[in-house]
Amino acid sequence: MYKNLMKQFFLSTVIFLFTSSLIAQSAVDEKYYSSLEWREVGPWRGGRSCAVTGVPGSPNLFYFGSTGG
């Protein structure tokens, strides 16, 4: 059983490395990402959130779901 898991892990690693190198070699036109800008989203202190949503038409109303109470 252990040998079978190791074979599967090795094979999946080889496939991942091969496909990721193919994807990395494909050229992407700069026009698709040149207008992107960095922006901060979320609380400055960090933490984990499950979901955040706003309410259309009510700019000051939003719902936030967090982890750990």
PDB file of N, CA and C in Angstrom:
ATOM      1  N   MET A   1       0.831  -1.193   0.000  1.00  0.00           N
ATOM      2  CA  MET A   1       0.000   0.000   0.000  1.00  0.00           C
ATOM      3  C   MET A   1       0.874   1.255   0.000  1.00  0.00           C
ATOM      4  N   TYR A   2       1.913   1.248   0.818  1.00  0.00           N
ATOM      5  CA  TYR A   2       2.790   2.414   0.901  1.00  0.00           C
ATOM      6  C   TYR A   2       3.504   2.671  -0.424  1.00  0.00           C
ATOM      7  N   LYS A   3       3.936   1.577  -1.100  1.00  0.00           N
ATOM      8  CA  LYS A   3       4.610   1.737  -2.391  1.00  0.00           C
ATOM      9  C   LYS A   3       3.665   2.333  -3.426  1.00  0.00           C
ATOM     10  N   ASN A   4       2.405   1.933  -3.390  1.00  0.00           N
ATOM     11  CA  ASN A   4       1.418   2.457  -4.328  1.00  0.00           C
ATOM     12  C   ASN A   4       1.212   3.956  -4.114  1.00  0.00           C
ATOM     13  N   LEU A   5       1.149   4.385  -2.855  1.00  0.00           N
ATOM     14  CA  LEU A   5       1.001   5.815  -2.568  1.00  0.00           C
ATOM     15  C   LEU A   5       2.211   6.597  -3.038  1.00  0.00           C
ATOM     16  N   MET A   6       3.398   6.049  -2.840  1.00  0.00           N
ATOM     17  CA  MET A   6       4.615   6.726  -3.276  1.00  0.00           C
ATOM     18  C   MET A   6       4.666   6.849  -4.798  1.00  0.00           C
ATOM     19  N   LYS A   7       4.229   5.800  -5.503  1.00  0.00           N
ATOM     20  CA  LYS A   7       4.179   5.853  -6.966  1.00  0.00           C
ATOM     21  C   LYS A   7       3.201   6.924  -7.431  1.00  0.00           C
ATOM     22  N   GLN A   8       2.041   6.986  -6.797  1.00  0.00           N
ATOM     23  CA  GLN A   8       1.049   7.997  -7.165  1.00  0.00           C
ATOM     24  C   GLN A   8       1.576   9.400  -6.883  1.00  0.00           C
ATOM     25  N   PHE A   9       2.238   9.583  -5.750  1.00  0.00           N
ATOM     26  CA  PHE A   9       2.792  10.886  -5.413  1.00  0.00           C
ATOM     27  C   PHE A   9       3.868  11.283  -6.413  1.00  0.00           C
ATOM     28  N   PHE A  10       4.751  10.362  -6.755  1.00  0.00           N
ATOM     29  CA  PHE A  10       5.817  10.643  -7.704  1.00  0.00           C
ATOM     30  C   PHE A  10       5.242  11.003  -9.068  1.00  0.00           C
ATOM     31  N   LEU A  11       4.276  10.230  -9.526  1.00  0.00           N
ATOM     32  CA  LEU A  11       3.667  10.485 -10.826  1.00  0.00           C
ATOM     33  C   LEU A  11       2.954  11.832 -10.854  1.00  0.00           C
ATOM     34  N   SER A  12       2.210  12.147  -9.808  1.00  0.00           N
ATOM     35  CA  SER A  12       1.507  13.436  -9.780  1.00  0.00           C
ATOM     36  C   SER A  12       2.501  14.589  -9.717  1.00  0.00           C
ATOM     37  N   THR A  13       3.629  14.409  -9.020  1.00  0.00           N
ATOM     38  CA  THR A  13       4.651  15.459  -8.970  1.00  0.00           C
ATOM     39  C   THR A  13       5.271  15.683 -10.338  1.00  0.00           C
ATOM     40  N   VAL A  14       5.579  14.610 -11.042  1.00  0.00           N
ATOM     41  CA  VAL A  14       6.159  14.730 -12.386  1.00  0.00           C
ATOM     42  C   VAL A  14       5.183  15.417 -13.328  1.00  0.00           C
ATOM     43  N   ILE A  15       3.923  15.026 -13.272  1.00  0.00           N
ATOM     44  CA  ILE A  15       2.906  15.649 -14.133  1.00  0.00           C
ATOM     45  C   ILE A  15       2.762  17.125 -13.804  1.00  0.00           C
ATOM     46  N   PHE A  16       2.737  17.466 -12.516  1.00  0.00           N
ATOM     47  CA  PHE A  16       2.611  18.860 -12.116  1.00  0.00           C
ATOM     48  C   PHE A  16       3.790  19.688 -12.619  1.00  0.00           C
ATOM     49  N   LEU A  17       4.998  19.191 -12.434  1.00  0.00           N
ATOM     50  CA  LEU A  17       6.178  19.933 -12.869  1.00  0.00           C
ATOM     51  C   LEU A  17       6.209  20.105 -14.383  1.00  0.00           C
ATOM     52  N   PHE A  18       5.822  19.072 -15.111  1.00  0.00           N
ATOM     53  CA  PHE A  18       5.806  19.152 -16.567  1.00  0.00           C
ATOM     54  C   PHE A  18       4.777  20.165 -17.060  1.00  0.00           C
ATOM     55  N   THR A  19       3.554  20.090 -16.521  1.00  0.00           N
ATOM     56  CA  THR A  19       2.508  21.008 -16.989  1.00  0.00           C
ATOM     57  C   THR A  19       2.770  22.439 -16.542  1.00  0.00           C
ATOM     58  N   SER A  20       3.328  22.630 -15.343  1.00  0.00           N
ATOM     59  CA  SER A  20       3.602  23.998 -14.895  1.00  0.00           C
ATOM     60  C   SER A  20       4.697  24.626 -15.737  1.00  0.00           C
ATOM     61  N   SER A  21       5.670  23.847 -16.198  1.00  0.00           N
ATOM     62  CA  SER A  21       6.707  24.420 -17.059  1.00  0.00           C
ATOM     63  C   SER A  21       6.132  24.785 -18.419  1.00  0.00           C
ATOM     64  N   LEU A  22       5.165  24.007 -18.906  1.00  0.00           N
ATOM     65  CA  LEU A  22       4.524  24.367 -20.173  1.00  0.00           C
ATOM     66  C   LEU A  22       3.722  25.651 -20.040  1.00  0.00           C
ATOM     67  N   ILE A  23       3.010  25.796 -18.929  1.00  0.00           N
ATOM     68  CA  ILE A  23       2.207  26.999 -18.713  1.00  0.00           C
ATOM     69  C   ILE A  23       3.104  28.209 -18.560  1.00  0.00           C
ATOM     70  N   ALA A  24       4.227  28.070 -17.856  1.00  0.00           N
ATOM     71  CA  ALA A  24       5.136  29.188 -17.638  1.00  0.00           C
ATOM     72  C   ALA A  24       5.772  29.651 -18.936  1.00  0.00           C
ATOM     73  N   GLN A  25       5.926  28.760 -19.906  1.00  0.00           N
ATOM     74  CA  GLN A  25       6.555  29.120 -21.165  1.00  0.00           C
ATOM     75  C   GLN A  25       5.595  29.828 -22.109  1.00  0.00           C
ATOM     76  N   SER A  26       4.299  29.696 -21.904  1.00  0.00           N
ATOM     77  CA  SER A  26       3.353  30.341 -22.800  1.00  0.00           C
ATOM     78  C   SER A  26       3.371  31.844 -22.551  1.00  0.00           C
ATOM     79  N   ALA A  27       3.449  32.602 -23.632  1.00  0.00           N
ATOM     80  CA  ALA A  27       3.529  34.057 -23.530  1.00  0.00           C
ATOM     81  C   ALA A  27       2.138  34.641 -23.382  1.00  0.00           C
ATOM     82  N   VAL A  28       2.003  35.575 -22.455  1.00  0.00           N
ATOM     83  CA  VAL A  28       0.746  36.278 -22.245  1.00  0.00           C
ATOM     84  C   VAL A  28       0.963  37.727 -22.639  1.00  0.00           C
ATOM     85  N   ASP A  29       0.078  38.236 -23.451  1.00  0.00           N
ATOM     86  CA  ASP A  29       0.201  39.618 -23.904  1.00  0.00           C
ATOM     87  C   ASP A  29       0.075  40.565 -22.719  1.00  0.00           C
ATOM     88  N   GLU A  30       0.980  41.529 -22.638  1.00  0.00           N
ATOM     89  CA  GLU A  30       1.023  42.447 -21.499  1.00  0.00           C
ATOM     90  C   GLU A  30      -0.238  43.305 -21.384  1.00  0.00           C
ATOM     91  N   LYS A  31      -0.970  43.487 -22.468  1.00  0.00           N
ATOM     92  CA  LYS A  31      -2.164  44.338 -22.414  1.00  0.00           C
ATOM     93  C   LYS A  31      -3.220  43.783 -21.469  1.00  0.00           C
ATOM     94  N   TYR A  32      -3.170  42.473 -21.173  1.00  0.00           N
ATOM     95  CA  TYR A  32      -4.166  41.862 -20.298  1.00  0.00           C
ATOM     96  C   TYR A  32      -3.924  42.148 -18.826  1.00  0.00           C
ATOM     97  N   TYR A  33      -2.715  42.474 -18.441  1.00  0.00           N
ATOM     98  CA  TYR A  33      -2.431  42.709 -17.025  1.00  0.00           C
ATOM     99  C   TYR A  33      -1.726  44.030 -16.754  1.00  0.00           C
ATOM    100  N   SER A  34      -1.477  44.843 -17.764  1.00  0.00           N
ATOM    101  CA  SER A  34      -0.747  46.095 -17.555  1.00  0.00           C
ATOM    102  C   SER A  34      -1.563  47.125 -16.774  1.00  0.00           C
ATOM    103  N   SER A  35      -2.876  47.039 -16.804  1.00  0.00           N
ATOM    104  CA  SER A  35      -3.696  48.026 -16.094  1.00  0.00           C
ATOM    105  C   SER A  35      -3.979  47.626 -14.643  1.00  0.00           C
ATOM    106  N   LEU A  36      -3.505  46.457 -14.211  1.00  0.00           N
ATOM    107  CA  LEU A  36      -3.738  46.028 -12.835  1.00  0.00           C
ATOM    108  C   LEU A  36      -2.928  46.872 -11.861  1.00  0.00           C
ATOM    109  N   GLU A  37      -3.537  47.186 -10.732  1.00  0.00           N
ATOM    110  CA  GLU A  37      -2.865  47.954  -9.689  1.00  0.00           C
ATOM    111  C   GLU A  37      -3.061  47.256  -8.358  1.00  0.00           C
ATOM    112  N   TRP A  38      -2.085  47.393  -7.455  1.00  0.00           N
ATOM    113  CA  TRP A  38      -2.183  46.822  -6.127  1.00  0.00           C
ATOM    114  C   TRP A  38      -3.142  47.645  -5.289  1.00  0.00           C
ATOM    115  N   ARG A  39      -3.986  46.994  -4.513  1.00  0.00           N
ATOM    116  CA  ARG A  39      -4.841  47.694  -3.569  1.00  0.00           C
ATOM    117  C   ARG A  39      -5.053  46.809  -2.356  1.00  0.00           C
ATOM    118  N   GLU A  40      -5.198  47.438  -1.214  1.00  0.00           N
ATOM    119  CA  GLU A  40      -5.438  46.723   0.026  1.00  0.00           C
ATOM    120  C   GLU A  40      -6.923  46.380   0.129  1.00  0.00           C
ATOM    121  N   VAL A  41      -7.230  45.168   0.488  1.00  0.00           N
ATOM    122  CA  VAL A  41      -8.605  44.732   0.677  1.00  0.00           C
ATOM    123  C   VAL A  41      -8.684  44.032   2.020  1.00  0.00           C
ATOM    124  N   GLY A  42      -9.595  44.449   2.837  1.00  0.00           N
ATOM    125  CA  GLY A  42      -9.777  43.798   4.122  1.00  0.00           C
ATOM    126  C   GLY A  42      -9.173  44.593   5.265  1.00  0.00           C
ATOM    127  N   PRO A  43      -9.289  44.065   6.457  1.00  0.00           N
ATOM    128  CA  PRO A  43      -8.764  44.772   7.631  1.00  0.00           C
ATOM    129  C   PRO A  43      -7.245  44.809   7.617  1.00  0.00           C
ATOM    130  N   TRP A  44      -6.679  45.877   8.126  1.00  0.00           N
ATOM    131  CA  TRP A  44      -5.220  46.043   8.098  1.00  0.00           C
ATOM    132  C   TRP A  44      -4.513  45.051   9.008  1.00  0.00           C
ATOM    133  N   ARG A  45      -5.180  44.576  10.034  1.00  0.00           N
ATOM    134  CA  ARG A  45      -4.538  43.709  11.006  1.00  0.00           C
ATOM    135  C   ARG A  45      -4.448  42.264  10.534  1.00  0.00           C
ATOM    136  N   GLY A  46      -5.072  41.920   9.449  1.00  0.00           N
ATOM    137  CA  GLY A  46      -5.057  40.538   8.976  1.00  0.00           C
ATOM    138  C   GLY A  46      -6.212  39.756   9.536  1.00  0.00           C
ATOM    139  N   GLY A  47      -6.016  38.497   9.722  1.00  0.00           N
ATOM    140  CA  GLY A  47      -7.094  37.649  10.212  1.00  0.00           C
ATOM    141  C   GLY A  47      -7.678  36.831   9.087  1.00  0.00           C
ATOM    142  N   ARG A  48      -8.671  36.029   9.421  1.00  0.00           N
ATOM    143  CA  ARG A  48      -9.291  35.167   8.415  1.00  0.00           C
ATOM    144  C   ARG A  48     -10.766  35.511   8.284  1.00  0.00           C
ATOM    145  N   SER A  49     -11.218  35.564   7.048  1.00  0.00           N
ATOM    146  CA  SER A  49     -12.634  35.796   6.801  1.00  0.00           C
ATOM    147  C   SER A  49     -13.160  34.708   5.880  1.00  0.00           C
ATOM    148  N   CYS A  50     -14.412  34.344   6.066  1.00  0.00           N
ATOM    149  CA  CYS A  50     -15.050  33.335   5.217  1.00  0.00           C
ATOM    150  C   CYS A  50     -15.748  33.981   4.035  1.00  0.00           C
ATOM    151  N   ALA A  51     -16.422  35.083   4.292  1.00  0.00           N
ATOM    152  CA  ALA A  51     -17.172  35.738   3.228  1.00  0.00           C
ATOM    153  C   ALA A  51     -17.445  37.188   3.603  1.00  0.00           C
ATOM    154  N   VAL A  52     -17.455  38.034   2.586  1.00  0.00           N
ATOM    155  CA  VAL A  52     -17.817  39.441   2.754  1.00  0.00           C
ATOM    156  C   VAL A  52     -18.687  39.812   1.568  1.00  0.00           C
ATOM    157  N   THR A  53     -19.772  40.509   1.827  1.00  0.00           N
ATOM    158  CA  THR A  53     -20.623  40.958   0.728  1.00  0.00           C
ATOM    159  C   THR A  53     -21.237  42.303   1.086  1.00  0.00           C
ATOM    160  N   GLY A  54     -21.467  43.102   0.080  1.00  0.00           N
ATOM    161  CA  GLY A  54     -22.139  44.381   0.251  1.00  0.00           C
ATOM    162  C   GLY A  54     -23.558  44.294  -0.270  1.00  0.00           C
ATOM    163  N   VAL A  55     -24.330  45.325   0.013  1.00  0.00           N
ATOM    164  CA  VAL A  55     -25.716  45.364  -0.436  1.00  0.00           C
ATOM    165  C   VAL A  55     -25.842  46.466  -1.488  1.00  0.00           C
ATOM    166  N   PRO A  56     -26.202  46.106  -2.723  1.00  0.00           N
ATOM    167  CA  PRO A  56     -26.356  47.124  -3.758  1.00  0.00           C
ATOM    168  C   PRO A  56     -27.391  48.173  -3.347  1.00  0.00           C
ATOM    169  N   GLY A  57     -27.077  49.418  -3.543  1.00  0.00           N
ATOM    170  CA  GLY A  57     -27.976  50.507  -3.187  1.00  0.00           C
ATOM    171  C   GLY A  57     -27.817  50.984  -1.759  1.00  0.00           C
ATOM    172  N   SER A  58     -27.074  50.275  -0.934  1.00  0.00           N
ATOM    173  CA  SER A  58     -26.803  50.672   0.451  1.00  0.00           C
ATOM    174  C   SER A  58     -25.290  50.625   0.682  1.00  0.00           C
ATOM    175  N   PRO A  59     -24.594  51.715   0.383  1.00  0.00           N
ATOM    176  CA  PRO A  59     -23.128  51.685   0.436  1.00  0.00           C
ATOM    177  C   PRO A  59     -22.550  51.455   1.830  1.00  0.00           C
ATOM    178  N   ASN A  60     -23.313  51.682   2.879  1.00  0.00           N
ATOM    179  CA  ASN A  60     -22.802  51.501   4.234  1.00  0.00           C
ATOM    180  C   ASN A  60     -23.263  50.203   4.887  1.00  0.00           C
ATOM    181  N   LEU A  61     -23.886  49.309   4.126  1.00  0.00           N
ATOM    182  CA  LEU A  61     -24.378  48.049   4.675  1.00  0.00           C
ATOM    183  C   LEU A  61     -23.628  46.892   4.037  1.00  0.00           C
ATOM    184  N   PHE A  62     -23.008  46.060   4.894  1.00  0.00           N
ATOM    185  CA  PHE A  62     -22.316  44.884   4.404  1.00  0.00           C
ATOM    186  C   PHE A  62     -22.396  43.792   5.444  1.00  0.00           C
ATOM    187  N   TYR A  63     -22.162  42.558   4.997  1.00  0.00           N
ATOM    188  CA  TYR A  63     -22.166  41.396   5.872  1.00  0.00           C
ATOM    189  C   TYR A  63     -20.796  40.731   5.790  1.00  0.00           C
ATOM    190  N   PHE A  64     -20.331  40.259   6.954  1.00  0.00           N
ATOM    191  CA  PHE A  64     -18.999  39.678   7.068  1.00  0.00           C
ATOM    192  C   PHE A  64     -19.074  38.400   7.864  1.00  0.00           C
ATOM    193  N   GLY A  65     -18.492  37.332   7.350  1.00  0.00           N
ATOM    194  CA  GLY A  65     -18.427  36.073   8.084  1.00  0.00           C
ATOM    195  C   GLY A  65     -16.991  35.768   8.442  1.00  0.00           C
ATOM    196  N   SER A  66     -16.730  35.484   9.714  1.00  0.00           N
ATOM    197  CA  SER A  66     -15.345  35.235  10.147  1.00  0.00           C
ATOM    198  C   SER A  66     -15.206  33.848  10.762  1.00  0.00           C
ATOM    199  N   THR A  67     -13.973  33.455  11.010  1.00  0.00           N
ATOM    200  CA  THR A  67     -13.696  32.162  11.629  1.00  0.00           C
ATOM    201  C   THR A  67     -13.423  32.353  13.113  1.00  0.00           C
ATOM    202  N   GLY A  68     -13.633  31.342  13.863  1.00  0.00           N
ATOM    203  CA  GLY A  68     -13.262  31.348  15.267  1.00  0.00           C
ATOM    204  C   GLY A  68     -14.131  32.209  16.163  1.00  0.00           C
ATOM    205  N   GLY A  69     -15.354  32.439  15.798  1.00  0.00           N
ATOM    206  CA  GLY A  69     -16.261  33.153  16.688  1.00  0.00           C
ATOM    207  C   GLY A  69     -16.237  34.599  16.496  1.00  0.00           C
TER     208      GLY A  69
END
